[in-house]
Structures are given as C-alpha cells and as structure tokens.
Amino acid sequence: MKLSHFNFNLPKDLLAEFPAENRDESRLMVVNRKTKTIEHKMFKDLIDYFDDGDVLILNNTKVFPARLYGNKEKTGARIEVFLLRELNSEQRLWDVLVDPARKIRIGNKLYFGDDDSLVAEVIDNTTSRGRTLRFLYDGSYDEFRNKLTELGETPIPKYINREVVPEDAERYQTIYAKEEGAVAAPTAGLHFSKHLLKRLEIKGVNFAEITLHVGLGTFNPVEVEDLSKHKMDSEELRITQEACDVVNKAISNRRKVCAVGTTTMRAIESSVSSNKTLNPYDGWTNKFIFPPYDFSIADCMITNFHTPKSTLLMMISAFTGHDLMKKAYEEAIKENYKFYSYGDAMLIL
C-alpha cells in the first residue's frame, strides 16, 4: 500500500482540544472484524466485551514535562526546547528539538528560568530542527532533573491550539503511568478511570504492563509514497517476564488479549517468539507496522482516532483491514467523533 491510501479530509472542528470531563465517558466505536459491523457506545461500556481470564496490555510509560522555553544569549530571542531523550546523564547531554531552529547554531547558549539558573550549550546539529544540548547546572543530578521538571511544561500536542492549563499535567497522563520517559502520552489509555479498571479487575480481567517510552518518532510524518522506505525513530522498550507470563497464559487458554493503544501493539510485536508468544525485552524498537502484516499476540485493540497519513493509522489499517478501517473513519466523521489525543476511542475486535 502507498502513502496516498491513508489520506482523508478531517474537519477541524473534530480535533479534541479538551478531554471528556470524566475519563471513561468519551465515546467508543466498536468495530467487529468478523461481522464487519460498527456499534456506538460509551468507553465505560468496554467492560461488556471482556470476561474472566482476558488480558489488557497497558503501556505504563509516564510523560515528563518535556517542553521548555529559554532565551538565546545576547539577542534574548525566545526559543522553545523540546526534550526528546537523555544521551548521557553524567555529562547532561540531551537530544532536543528547537524552534525556531534557524536561529540556533553550534556554540550558542540558552538560558532558562527567571534567574537563568539553568544554561544549555548547543554542541551538535542532528536534524533540521534537532540539536544536542549540554546542560550546565550547579547541583547534583537529582537537583538538575528537579529543575527540568520545575521549568518544563506538559507537552500537549501542537495541534491543540491553546495554552497549557494546570489540569493538563494530570489529564495528559494515564492513571497507571509509572515509568517516566515519554514525551507524549499513550493516548488510548487516557480513557481509563480508576473505577473502570476496578470493575474490570472484579470481573476477572487481568492486566499486563509493558513500558514503551513514546518519542516523537510515533508522530513524525511519513514523507515517502513507498511505505517500506519510511524509517521509524527508535523508542525505548521494556517487557518483563512477569508481563509475558500473564499474556502467554491467556494465549494458551484462548482468552482475549487486548493491546491498549498503538504503542502497546508496537511494543509486543517487537518481541515475539517463533511460536507466537511474548518474550521479555529490554532495549529499543523502531518497528513500523503497515499493511499487509500478520499480528502475533493481541487479537483485539483499543485506540484513538488518528491523523491522516500517520504511522498510527497505517497500523490500524493493518489490524482492521483497510476497507473496514476506511468505513469506520467515514462513520466517525459523520457521527462527529472527536479525534487525536483528547478524542474518542475505538475498540477493534
């Protein structure tokens, strides 16, 4: 399939700028791959589709406040710095994106905070907007990380055309987030409330947690018509033996295994054994899933509604079947489902 197969017109008024008041009261479209049918529900109705012994696989990554604003030395120009990943904790080296990038060259210094207590020096250009920064800070490593947290803000997506509000820090985080390291939330998980998770647990549904630290690679645009030529950025991934045991038991008992989100699906498909069970993993993955693709672990998934031409949409197409995916998205637009991070959800059975 080609990039042009994944284009569609998305009305701007369907972009969700704020989340549903209660996490589990967003809308839920249920797409059945066998019957090719579509139902309209609320997210809390999810419980009706799972039974004792079924498994939900959750990505427990935690978003850190990755967006900083600094001032360039001499000119004082305001520069946005988006922290991508730590390269070296001792030297305090980070991969970042800067905006506007044309003003930022090797050797420039950036000052952060009202008292300029944090300084960064540009030591390398990595991409058109990418830079490597060395942070200079008088204090221990823990104090330095606390300073980043203090100065940073929640990195809500750029398309949300409003200022960050204090509520975003809590709302742009899944309730089961534990392992800090993501620059964007695994958004399918944002719909789960504590109450819904408890009800699922009481019903006998099991949970397996993996950690995939979402980077900007997930959102980088695909710019080649031939999808096999697109290269995903690597993202850090950990799958424990404990998680594998929960998932593999469900597979052997022929119970439902549901991936919560595209990040979870990419994670589990990055570590599959020859007999289609889940293996432990500790490293990085740049796996890119697009049609045709044979999935090994999960037989259902929960996801949000995604951007035209995005790698996320391509994965949904591979899992659902392209024609049914198109039908579901046409229905979503007609029925005014909300798209993207704070939008509504889809359960694919």
Protein backbone atom coordinates (compact mmCIF):
# COMPACT_ATOMS: atom_id res chain seq x y z
CA MET A 1 0.00 0.00 0.00
CA LYS A 2 1.05 3.56 -0.66
CA LEU A 3 1.02 6.73 1.47
CA SER A 4 -1.84 8.17 -0.62
CA HIS A 5 -4.12 5.33 0.56
CA PHE A 6 -4.07 6.89 4.03
CA ASN A 7 -5.23 10.39 3.23
CA PHE A 8 -8.66 11.73 4.19
CA ASN A 9 -10.23 15.09 4.94
CA LEU A 10 -10.64 15.70 8.65
CA PRO A 11 -12.88 18.64 9.63
CA LYS A 12 -11.02 20.95 12.03
CA ASP A 13 -13.94 21.01 14.46
CA LEU A 14 -13.39 17.29 15.18
CA LEU A 15 -9.98 17.92 16.80
CA ALA A 16 -10.43 17.49 20.56
CA GLU A 17 -8.79 20.38 22.41
CA PHE A 18 -10.04 19.32 25.84
CA PRO A 19 -10.73 15.85 27.24
CA ALA A 20 -14.10 14.46 28.30
CA GLU A 21 -14.99 15.64 31.82
CA ASN A 22 -14.83 12.06 33.10
CA ARG A 23 -12.17 9.82 31.56
CA ASP A 24 -14.45 6.88 30.82
CA GLU A 25 -17.27 8.96 29.35
CA SER A 26 -15.71 9.59 25.98
CA ARG A 27 -17.42 7.82 23.12
CA LEU A 28 -16.41 4.34 21.99
CA MET A 29 -16.81 2.97 18.49
CA VAL A 30 -16.78 -0.84 18.50
CA VAL A 31 -15.57 -2.34 15.21
CA ASN A 32 -16.01 -6.07 14.70
CA ARG A 33 -13.61 -7.52 12.12
CA LYS A 34 -15.52 -10.80 11.69
CA THR A 35 -19.00 -9.37 11.17
CA LYS A 36 -17.75 -6.07 9.63
CA THR A 37 -20.20 -4.23 11.92
CA ILE A 38 -19.86 -0.96 13.82
CA GLU A 39 -21.53 -0.10 17.15
CA HIS A 40 -21.63 3.20 19.06
CA LYS A 41 -21.07 3.02 22.83
CA MET A 42 -19.51 4.89 25.76
CA PHE A 43 -15.97 3.98 26.83
CA LYS A 44 -17.19 2.61 30.16
CA ASP A 45 -19.23 0.01 28.19
CA LEU A 46 -15.85 -1.59 27.38
CA ILE A 47 -16.43 -3.92 30.34
CA ASP A 48 -19.19 -5.71 28.38
CA TYR A 49 -16.64 -7.01 25.87
CA PHE A 50 -14.25 -8.70 28.32
CA ASP A 51 -14.56 -11.73 30.60
CA ASP A 52 -12.74 -13.64 33.32
CA GLY A 53 -9.20 -14.55 32.19
CA ASP A 54 -8.98 -11.99 29.39
CA VAL A 55 -5.93 -9.69 29.42
CA LEU A 56 -5.46 -5.98 28.76
CA ILE A 57 -1.86 -4.99 27.99
CA LEU A 58 -1.12 -1.45 29.23
CA ASN A 59 1.79 0.87 28.45
CA ASN A 60 2.78 2.29 31.85
CA THR A 61 5.13 4.98 30.49
CA LYS A 62 4.86 8.37 32.19
CA VAL A 63 5.06 11.69 30.35
CA PHE A 64 7.65 14.13 31.68
CA PRO A 65 7.34 17.92 31.26
CA ALA A 66 9.42 17.97 28.10
CA ARG A 67 8.74 21.46 26.74
CA LEU A 68 11.00 24.26 27.99
CA TYR A 69 11.31 27.90 26.97
CA GLY A 70 14.68 29.60 27.06
CA ASN A 71 16.33 32.78 25.87
CA LYS A 72 19.23 32.93 23.47
CA GLU A 73 22.35 34.68 24.76
CA LYS A 74 22.93 38.25 23.53
CA THR A 75 19.70 38.54 21.48
CA GLY A 76 17.35 37.27 24.19
CA ALA A 77 15.20 35.59 21.50
CA ARG A 78 12.63 33.18 22.99
CA ILE A 79 13.41 29.60 21.96
CA GLU A 80 11.27 26.53 22.53
CA VAL A 81 13.29 23.45 23.51
CA PHE A 82 11.56 20.07 23.36
CA LEU A 83 13.45 17.40 25.30
CA LEU A 84 13.49 14.12 23.37
CA ARG A 85 15.89 11.82 25.21
CA GLU A 86 18.78 11.88 27.62
CA LEU A 87 22.01 10.78 25.94
CA ASN A 88 24.42 10.91 28.88
CA SER A 89 23.37 11.56 32.47
CA GLU A 90 26.87 12.40 33.74
CA GLN A 91 27.55 14.98 31.05
CA ARG A 92 23.89 16.07 31.00
CA LEU A 93 23.64 15.64 27.24
CA TRP A 94 20.17 15.63 25.65
CA ASP A 95 18.69 15.20 22.19
CA VAL A 96 16.21 18.04 21.68
CA LEU A 97 14.16 19.85 19.06
CA VAL A 98 14.42 23.64 18.91
CA ASP A 99 12.03 26.19 17.45
CA PRO A 100 12.78 28.45 15.64
CA ALA A 101 15.68 26.24 14.57
CA ARG A 102 17.28 28.62 12.08
CA LYS A 103 18.47 30.81 14.97
CA ILE A 104 20.21 28.06 16.90
CA ARG A 105 23.74 27.08 15.93
CA ILE A 106 26.57 25.08 17.49
CA GLY A 107 28.18 27.12 20.27
CA ASN A 108 25.04 29.12 21.13
CA LYS A 109 23.96 29.26 24.76
CA LEU A 110 20.38 29.22 26.02
CA TYR A 111 19.26 30.49 29.44
CA PHE A 112 16.26 29.10 31.32
CA GLY A 113 14.27 30.36 34.30
CA ASP A 114 13.79 33.89 35.61
CA ASP A 115 17.17 33.69 37.34
CA ASP A 116 18.98 31.95 34.44
CA SER A 117 19.80 29.14 36.89
CA LEU A 118 19.88 26.61 34.07
CA VAL A 119 22.06 27.08 30.99
CA ALA A 120 22.46 24.88 27.92
CA GLU A 121 25.13 24.93 25.24
CA VAL A 122 24.45 23.66 21.71
CA ILE A 123 27.13 21.11 20.84
CA ASP A 124 25.75 19.43 17.71
CA ASN A 125 23.17 19.63 14.91
CA THR A 126 21.33 16.33 14.43
CA THR A 127 18.47 17.15 12.03
CA SER A 128 16.92 20.33 10.61
CA ARG A 129 15.28 21.03 13.98
CA GLY A 130 17.29 18.62 16.12
CA ARG A 131 20.19 19.65 18.35
CA THR A 132 22.32 18.08 21.06
CA LEU A 133 22.49 20.23 24.20
CA ARG A 134 24.85 20.06 27.17
CA PHE A 135 23.09 21.42 30.24
CA LEU A 136 25.15 23.39 32.75
CA TYR A 137 23.76 23.39 36.28
CA ASP A 138 25.32 23.83 39.72
CA GLY A 139 23.84 20.95 41.63
CA SER A 140 23.50 17.18 41.85
CA TYR A 141 21.90 15.09 39.09
CA ASP A 142 18.67 14.79 41.09
CA GLU A 143 18.58 18.56 41.60
CA PHE A 144 19.16 19.02 37.86
CA ARG A 145 16.23 16.70 37.00
CA ASN A 146 14.04 18.52 39.52
CA LYS A 147 14.98 21.81 37.84
CA LEU A 148 13.94 20.42 34.42
CA THR A 149 10.62 19.34 35.93
CA GLU A 150 10.13 22.74 37.56
CA LEU A 151 10.86 24.68 34.36
CA GLY A 152 9.18 22.30 31.91
CA GLU A 153 5.53 22.17 30.93
CA THR A 154 3.29 19.29 29.89
CA PRO A 155 3.97 18.62 26.21
CA ILE A 156 0.38 18.59 24.95
CA PRO A 157 0.31 18.16 21.16
CA LYS A 158 0.96 21.19 18.93
CA TYR A 159 -2.40 20.91 17.16
CA ILE A 160 -4.15 21.75 20.47
CA ASN A 161 -4.35 25.45 19.79
CA ARG A 162 -4.44 26.77 23.32
CA GLU A 163 -2.19 27.46 26.28
CA VAL A 164 -1.30 24.60 28.62
CA VAL A 165 -3.55 24.64 31.70
CA PRO A 166 -2.58 23.15 35.10
CA GLU A 167 -5.13 20.33 34.63
CA ASP A 168 -3.15 19.06 31.61
CA ALA A 169 -0.34 17.80 33.87
CA GLU A 170 -2.73 15.26 35.40
CA ARG A 171 -5.09 14.70 32.48
CA TYR A 172 -2.40 14.11 29.85
CA GLN A 173 -1.22 11.12 31.87
CA THR A 174 -2.75 7.66 32.17
CA ILE A 175 -3.86 6.76 35.70
CA TYR A 176 -1.46 3.79 35.61
CA ALA A 177 1.59 5.81 34.46
CA LYS A 178 4.68 4.76 36.45
CA GLU A 179 7.89 4.81 34.41
CA GLU A 180 8.91 8.35 33.47
CA GLY A 181 10.39 8.82 30.00
CA ALA A 182 7.70 9.62 27.38
CA VAL A 183 7.35 12.92 25.54
CA ALA A 184 3.72 12.12 24.64
CA ALA A 185 1.04 10.10 26.36
CA PRO A 186 -0.04 6.68 25.09
CA THR A 187 -3.45 8.20 24.44
CA ALA A 188 -5.71 5.15 24.26
CA GLY A 189 -5.01 4.68 27.96
CA LEU A 190 -6.24 8.18 28.83
CA HIS A 191 -9.83 6.87 28.71
CA PHE A 192 -9.43 4.50 31.66
CA SER A 193 -10.72 5.67 35.04
CA LYS A 194 -9.78 4.03 38.34
CA HIS A 195 -13.40 2.95 38.67
CA LEU A 196 -13.44 1.22 35.26
CA LEU A 197 -10.14 -0.56 35.94
CA LYS A 198 -11.53 -1.77 39.29
CA ARG A 199 -14.72 -3.05 37.65
CA LEU A 200 -12.65 -4.93 35.03
CA GLU A 201 -10.49 -6.41 37.79
CA ILE A 202 -13.57 -7.57 39.75
CA LYS A 203 -14.84 -9.23 36.57
CA GLY A 204 -11.61 -11.27 36.44
CA VAL A 205 -9.80 -9.37 33.69
CA ASN A 206 -6.00 -9.43 34.14
CA PHE A 207 -3.54 -6.67 33.33
CA ALA A 208 -0.01 -6.90 31.92
CA GLU A 209 2.14 -3.77 31.96
CA ILE A 210 4.89 -3.03 29.44
CA THR A 211 6.89 0.18 29.07
CA LEU A 212 7.42 1.89 25.73
CA HIS A 213 8.64 5.46 26.11
CA VAL A 214 6.76 7.33 23.40
CA GLY A 215 9.07 9.59 21.40
CA LEU A 216 8.33 11.91 18.54
CA GLY A 217 9.07 9.09 16.09
CA THR A 218 5.49 7.96 16.59
CA PHE A 219 4.28 11.28 15.18
CA ASN A 220 6.92 12.03 12.55
CA PRO A 221 5.18 12.46 9.20
CA VAL A 222 5.61 9.80 6.54
CA GLU A 223 7.06 11.60 3.53
CA VAL A 224 7.63 8.71 1.11
CA GLU A 225 4.91 7.20 -1.09
CA ASP A 226 6.51 3.75 -0.75
CA LEU A 227 5.88 2.87 2.91
CA SER A 228 8.69 0.32 3.01
CA LYS A 229 11.13 3.26 2.68
CA HIS A 230 9.90 5.03 5.86
CA LYS A 231 12.22 4.74 8.88
CA MET A 232 10.75 4.94 12.38
CA ASP A 233 12.76 6.62 15.15
CA SER A 234 13.77 4.19 17.88
CA GLU A 235 11.90 4.24 21.18
CA GLU A 236 12.95 2.62 24.45
CA LEU A 237 11.09 -0.58 25.34
CA ARG A 238 10.93 -2.89 28.35
CA ILE A 239 8.84 -6.07 28.61
CA THR A 240 9.24 -8.02 31.87
CA GLN A 241 9.00 -11.78 32.35
CA GLU A 242 6.02 -11.12 34.63
CA ALA A 243 4.10 -9.40 31.81
CA CYS A 244 4.99 -12.24 29.41
CA ASP A 245 3.66 -14.83 31.86
CA VAL A 246 0.27 -13.08 32.12
CA VAL A 247 -0.05 -12.65 28.34
CA ASN A 248 1.18 -16.13 27.40
CA LYS A 249 -1.15 -17.79 29.90
CA ALA A 250 -4.10 -16.02 28.25
CA ILE A 251 -2.89 -17.07 24.78
CA SER A 252 -2.59 -20.72 25.85
CA ASN A 253 -6.07 -20.58 27.46
CA ARG A 254 -7.51 -18.97 24.30
CA ARG A 255 -8.61 -15.87 26.18
CA LYS A 256 -8.83 -12.40 24.63
CA VAL A 257 -5.56 -10.46 24.60
CA CYS A 258 -6.15 -6.74 24.05
CA ALA A 259 -3.44 -4.19 23.29
CA VAL A 260 -4.35 -0.81 24.77
CA GLY A 261 -3.00 1.59 22.17
CA THR A 262 -0.76 1.55 19.14
CA THR A 263 2.35 1.97 21.33
CA THR A 264 1.47 -1.22 23.20
CA MET A 265 0.81 -3.06 19.95
CA ARG A 266 4.16 -1.96 18.51
CA ALA A 267 5.89 -2.98 21.74
CA ILE A 268 4.52 -6.53 21.88
CA GLU A 269 5.05 -7.10 18.16
CA SER A 270 8.72 -6.17 18.69
CA SER A 271 9.37 -9.24 20.85
CA VAL A 272 7.56 -12.32 19.54
CA SER A 273 8.85 -15.90 19.85
CA SER A 274 8.83 -18.36 16.96
CA ASN A 275 5.68 -19.99 18.39
CA LYS A 276 3.87 -16.63 18.63
CA THR A 277 4.21 -15.95 22.35
CA LEU A 278 5.57 -12.83 24.04
CA ASN A 279 9.26 -12.65 25.01
CA PRO A 280 10.91 -10.37 27.60
CA TYR A 281 12.74 -7.39 26.08
CA ASP A 282 14.99 -4.57 27.25
CA GLY A 283 16.26 -2.23 24.56
CA TRP A 284 14.98 -0.10 21.71
CA THR A 285 12.50 -0.70 18.91
CA ASN A 286 11.97 1.03 15.58
CA LYS A 287 9.28 -1.37 14.40
CA PHE A 288 6.95 0.08 11.78
CA ILE A 289 3.71 -1.82 11.19
CA PHE A 290 1.82 -1.23 7.95
CA PRO A 291 -0.33 -3.44 5.67
CA PRO A 292 -0.02 -6.28 4.98
CA TYR A 293 1.06 -7.50 8.42
CA ASP A 294 0.43 -10.69 10.39
CA PHE A 295 -0.15 -9.89 14.09
CA SER A 296 1.07 -12.47 16.62
CA ILE A 297 -0.02 -11.58 20.16
CA ALA A 298 -3.15 -9.43 20.53
CA ASP A 299 -6.49 -10.35 18.97
CA CYS A 300 -8.16 -7.02 19.80
CA MET A 301 -7.05 -3.47 20.46
CA ILE A 302 -8.18 -0.13 21.84
CA THR A 303 -7.07 3.01 20.05
CA ASN A 304 -7.90 6.65 19.41
CA PHE A 305 -8.76 8.20 16.03
CA HIS A 306 -5.58 9.19 14.22
CA THR A 307 -4.17 11.72 11.79
CA PRO A 308 -4.32 11.26 8.02
CA LYS A 309 -1.11 9.69 6.64
CA SER A 310 0.18 8.79 10.12
CA THR A 311 2.05 5.61 11.04
CA LEU A 312 -0.66 5.01 13.66
CA LEU A 313 -3.40 4.96 11.01
CA MET A 314 -1.31 2.51 8.97
CA MET A 315 -1.12 0.12 11.90
CA ILE A 316 -4.91 0.34 12.40
CA SER A 317 -5.40 -0.43 8.71
CA ALA A 318 -3.13 -3.49 9.02
CA PHE A 319 -5.08 -4.74 12.05
CA THR A 320 -8.63 -3.94 10.95
CA GLY A 321 -8.35 -4.41 7.21
CA HIS A 322 -8.10 -1.31 5.04
CA ASP A 323 -11.70 -1.22 3.77
CA LEU A 324 -13.20 -1.66 7.23
CA MET A 325 -10.84 0.98 8.65
CA LYS A 326 -11.97 3.43 5.95
CA LYS A 327 -15.61 2.62 6.67
CA ALA A 328 -15.05 3.20 10.41
CA TYR A 329 -13.33 6.54 9.85
CA GLU A 330 -16.06 7.73 7.46
CA GLU A 331 -18.60 6.79 10.12
CA ALA A 332 -16.58 8.57 12.82
CA ILE A 333 -16.55 11.81 10.81
CA LYS A 334 -20.26 11.53 10.01
CA GLU A 335 -21.11 10.90 13.68
CA ASN A 336 -18.82 13.69 14.96
CA TYR A 337 -16.39 11.54 16.91
CA LYS A 338 -13.51 13.57 18.33
CA PHE A 339 -10.00 12.83 17.03
CA TYR A 340 -6.46 12.68 18.44
CA SER A 341 -5.10 12.74 21.97
CA TYR A 342 -8.12 14.02 23.90
CA GLY A 343 -10.59 12.49 21.45
CA ASP A 344 -12.84 9.43 21.46
CA ALA A 345 -11.82 5.78 21.24
CA MET A 346 -12.23 2.70 19.10
CA LEU A 347 -12.33 -0.94 20.19
CA ILE A 348 -11.39 -3.32 17.39
CA LEU A 349 -12.50 -6.90 18.00
